[in-house]
């Protein structure tokens, strides 16, 4: 992949792997998104879409590989870049696995309100 140093690459996901306990969720996943491209993650439940988003937004560290947004390592996103990230959820409801408090904290942080 030759996009690692390309200034038009806004998202770089390079040979990323991640496992939860003994379950391998991502294995050597590589993709890039260039400036102006529209990109979506599609797949069945359990395919790793949420894990990719969590790594890209700095909520989860990958086991191996490199994840970058606008040349910033996703494990250490600046506050300025993090404030400008946007995500679109697949439903408007609450996350069933989170408590009401954790849902409120998540949505406050994602909309720039203090939790």
C-alpha atoms as a PDB file:
ATOM      1  CA  UNK A   1       0.000   0.000   0.000  1.00  0.00           C
ATOM      2  CA  UNK A   2       1.550   3.254  -1.121  1.00  0.00           C
ATOM      3  CA  UNK A   3      -0.871   5.596   0.697  1.00  0.00           C
ATOM      4  CA  UNK A   4       1.158   5.772   3.928  1.00  0.00           C
ATOM      5  CA  UNK A   5       2.823   9.059   3.001  1.00  0.00           C
ATOM      6  CA  UNK A   6       0.204  10.418   0.613  1.00  0.00           C
ATOM      7  CA  UNK A   7      -1.067  13.798   1.824  1.00  0.00           C
ATOM      8  CA  UNK A   8      -4.459  13.113   0.196  1.00  0.00           C
ATOM      9  CA  UNK A   9      -5.016  10.087   2.451  1.00  0.00           C
ATOM     10  CA  UNK A  10      -7.352  11.081   5.276  1.00  0.00           C
ATOM     11  CA  UNK A  11      -7.786   7.641   6.860  1.00  0.00           C
ATOM     12  CA  UNK A  12      -5.160   4.916   6.870  1.00  0.00           C
ATOM     13  CA  UNK A  13      -5.848   1.489   8.354  1.00  0.00           C
ATOM     14  CA  UNK A  14      -2.716  -0.565   7.684  1.00  0.00           C
ATOM     15  CA  UNK A  15      -2.390  -4.285   8.582  1.00  0.00           C
ATOM     16  CA  UNK A  16      -4.567  -3.875  11.686  1.00  0.00           C
ATOM     17  CA  UNK A  17      -5.451  -6.872  13.837  1.00  0.00           C
ATOM     18  CA  UNK A  18      -7.429  -7.051  17.063  1.00  0.00           C
ATOM     19  CA  UNK A  19      -8.782  -9.829  19.279  1.00  0.00           C
ATOM     20  CA  UNK A  20     -11.098  -9.890  22.283  1.00  0.00           C
ATOM     21  CA  UNK A  21      -9.952 -12.658  24.630  1.00  0.00           C
ATOM     22  CA  UNK A  22      -9.514 -15.615  22.266  1.00  0.00           C
ATOM     23  CA  UNK A  23     -11.738 -14.273  19.462  1.00  0.00           C
ATOM     24  CA  UNK A  24      -9.912 -12.708  16.511  1.00  0.00           C
ATOM     25  CA  UNK A  25     -12.169  -9.882  15.293  1.00  0.00           C
ATOM     26  CA  UNK A  26      -9.829  -8.137  12.847  1.00  0.00           C
ATOM     27  CA  UNK A  27      -7.016  -9.910  11.059  1.00  0.00           C
ATOM     28  CA  UNK A  28      -4.557  -7.913   8.939  1.00  0.00           C
ATOM     29  CA  UNK A  29      -7.184  -5.403   7.719  1.00  0.00           C
ATOM     30  CA  UNK A  30      -5.870  -2.737   5.347  1.00  0.00           C
ATOM     31  CA  UNK A  31      -7.710   0.130   3.648  1.00  0.00           C
ATOM     32  CA  UNK A  32      -7.326   3.825   3.032  1.00  0.00           C
ATOM     33  CA  UNK A  33      -9.695   6.693   2.334  1.00  0.00           C
ATOM     34  CA  UNK A  34      -8.568   9.646   0.288  1.00  0.00           C
ATOM     35  CA  UNK A  35      -9.785  13.213   0.647  1.00  0.00           C
ATOM     36  CA  UNK A  36     -13.201  13.624  -0.996  1.00  0.00           C
ATOM     37  CA  UNK A  37     -14.021   9.903  -1.081  1.00  0.00           C
ATOM     38  CA  UNK A  38     -17.207   8.544   0.447  1.00  0.00           C
ATOM     39  CA  UNK A  39     -16.532   5.379   2.406  1.00  0.00           C
ATOM     40  CA  UNK A  40     -18.771   3.026   4.366  1.00  0.00           C
ATOM     41  CA  UNK A  41     -18.330  -0.134   6.404  1.00  0.00           C
ATOM     42  CA  UNK A  42     -20.827  -2.838   5.519  1.00  0.00           C
ATOM     43  CA  UNK A  43     -21.121  -6.344   6.893  1.00  0.00           C
ATOM     44  CA  UNK A  44     -23.065  -8.648   9.144  1.00  0.00           C
ATOM     45  CA  UNK A  45     -23.156  -8.372  12.903  1.00  0.00           C
ATOM     46  CA  UNK A  46     -19.818  -9.438  14.351  1.00  0.00           C
ATOM     47  CA  UNK A  47     -17.820  -8.616  11.210  1.00  0.00           C
ATOM     48  CA  UNK A  48     -15.684  -6.015  13.020  1.00  0.00           C
ATOM     49  CA  UNK A  49     -17.261  -2.736  11.847  1.00  0.00           C
ATOM     50  CA  UNK A  50     -17.678  -1.307  15.349  1.00  0.00           C
ATOM     51  CA  UNK A  51     -14.183  -2.449  16.309  1.00  0.00           C
ATOM     52  CA  UNK A  52     -12.770  -0.523  13.329  1.00  0.00           C
ATOM     53  CA  UNK A  53     -14.711   2.610  14.317  1.00  0.00           C
ATOM     54  CA  UNK A  54     -13.598   2.265  17.942  1.00  0.00           C
ATOM     55  CA  UNK A  55      -9.953   2.015  16.840  1.00  0.00           C
ATOM     56  CA  UNK A  56     -10.269   4.964  14.443  1.00  0.00           C
ATOM     57  CA  UNK A  57     -11.839   7.166  17.122  1.00  0.00           C
ATOM     58  CA  UNK A  58      -9.207   6.263  19.715  1.00  0.00           C
ATOM     59  CA  UNK A  59     -11.585   4.345  21.979  1.00  0.00           C
ATOM     60  CA  UNK A  60      -9.733   1.057  21.466  1.00  0.00           C
ATOM     61  CA  UNK A  61      -6.104   0.230  20.715  1.00  0.00           C
ATOM     62  CA  UNK A  62      -5.354  -2.266  17.996  1.00  0.00           C
ATOM     63  CA  UNK A  63      -3.184  -5.283  18.812  1.00  0.00           C
ATOM     64  CA  UNK A  64      -1.008  -4.668  15.749  1.00  0.00           C
ATOM     65  CA  UNK A  65      -0.857  -2.475  12.682  1.00  0.00           C
ATOM     66  CA  UNK A  66      -1.309   1.237  12.177  1.00  0.00           C
ATOM     67  CA  UNK A  67      -4.454   3.399  12.251  1.00  0.00           C
ATOM     68  CA  UNK A  68      -4.227   7.070  11.329  1.00  0.00           C
ATOM     69  CA  UNK A  69      -6.573   9.985  10.632  1.00  0.00           C
ATOM     70  CA  UNK A  70      -5.115  13.061   8.902  1.00  0.00           C
ATOM     71  CA  UNK A  71      -1.614  11.723   9.648  1.00  0.00           C
ATOM     72  CA  UNK A  72      -2.351  11.452  13.398  1.00  0.00           C
ATOM     73  CA  UNK A  73      -1.977   8.118  15.160  1.00  0.00           C
ATOM     74  CA  UNK A  74      -5.455   7.079  16.342  1.00  0.00           C
ATOM     75  CA  UNK A  75      -4.040   5.979  19.687  1.00  0.00           C
ATOM     76  CA  UNK A  76      -3.007   9.583  20.384  1.00  0.00           C
ATOM     77  CA  UNK A  77      -5.523  11.836  18.618  1.00  0.00           C
ATOM     78  CA  UNK A  78      -5.191  15.520  19.405  1.00  0.00           C
ATOM     79  CA  UNK A  79      -8.089  17.218  21.152  1.00  0.00           C
ATOM     80  CA  UNK A  80      -8.534  19.470  18.118  1.00  0.00           C
ATOM     81  CA  UNK A  81      -8.863  16.545  15.698  1.00  0.00           C
ATOM     82  CA  UNK A  82     -11.040  14.571  18.112  1.00  0.00           C
ATOM     83  CA  UNK A  83     -13.462  17.517  18.434  1.00  0.00           C
ATOM     84  CA  UNK A  84     -13.964  17.448  14.669  1.00  0.00           C
ATOM     85  CA  UNK A  85     -14.656  13.723  14.293  1.00  0.00           C
ATOM     86  CA  UNK A  86     -18.203  12.761  13.412  1.00  0.00           C
ATOM     87  CA  UNK A  87     -19.879   9.377  13.412  1.00  0.00           C
ATOM     88  CA  UNK A  88     -23.269   8.193  12.268  1.00  0.00           C
ATOM     89  CA  UNK A  89     -24.816   5.361  14.208  1.00  0.00           C
ATOM     90  CA  UNK A  90     -26.876   2.650  12.544  1.00  0.00           C
ATOM     91  CA  UNK A  91     -29.798   3.367  14.856  1.00  0.00           C
ATOM     92  CA  UNK A  92     -31.011   6.286  16.911  1.00  0.00           C
ATOM     93  CA  UNK A  93     -31.670   4.268  20.049  1.00  0.00           C
ATOM     94  CA  UNK A  94     -29.562   3.606  23.090  1.00  0.00           C
ATOM     95  CA  UNK A  95     -26.738   1.114  23.294  1.00  0.00           C
ATOM     96  CA  UNK A  96     -28.262  -1.834  25.122  1.00  0.00           C
ATOM     97  CA  UNK A  97     -24.938  -2.965  26.592  1.00  0.00           C
ATOM     98  CA  UNK A  98     -24.344   0.414  28.255  1.00  0.00           C
ATOM     99  CA  UNK A  99     -26.006   1.811  31.348  1.00  0.00           C
ATOM    100  CA  UNK A 100     -28.181   4.918  31.003  1.00  0.00           C
ATOM    101  CA  UNK A 101     -25.341   6.962  32.516  1.00  0.00           C
ATOM    102  CA  UNK A 102     -22.800   5.577  30.018  1.00  0.00           C
ATOM    103  CA  UNK A 103     -25.213   6.242  27.119  1.00  0.00           C
ATOM    104  CA  UNK A 104     -25.580   9.861  28.243  1.00  0.00           C
ATOM    105  CA  UNK A 105     -21.817  10.269  28.606  1.00  0.00           C
ATOM    106  CA  UNK A 106     -21.269   8.786  25.121  1.00  0.00           C
ATOM    107  CA  UNK A 107     -23.802  11.044  23.424  1.00  0.00           C
ATOM    108  CA  UNK A 108     -22.639  14.131  25.320  1.00  0.00           C
ATOM    109  CA  UNK A 109     -19.042  13.533  24.287  1.00  0.00           C
ATOM    110  CA  UNK A 110     -20.001  12.828  20.682  1.00  0.00           C
ATOM    111  CA  UNK A 111     -21.909  16.127  20.488  1.00  0.00           C
ATOM    112  CA  UNK A 112     -19.291  18.250  22.324  1.00  0.00           C
ATOM    113  CA  UNK A 113     -21.296  18.670  25.541  1.00  0.00           C
ATOM    114  CA  UNK A 114     -19.510  18.156  28.813  1.00  0.00           C
ATOM    115  CA  UNK A 115     -20.478  14.922  30.536  1.00  0.00           C
END
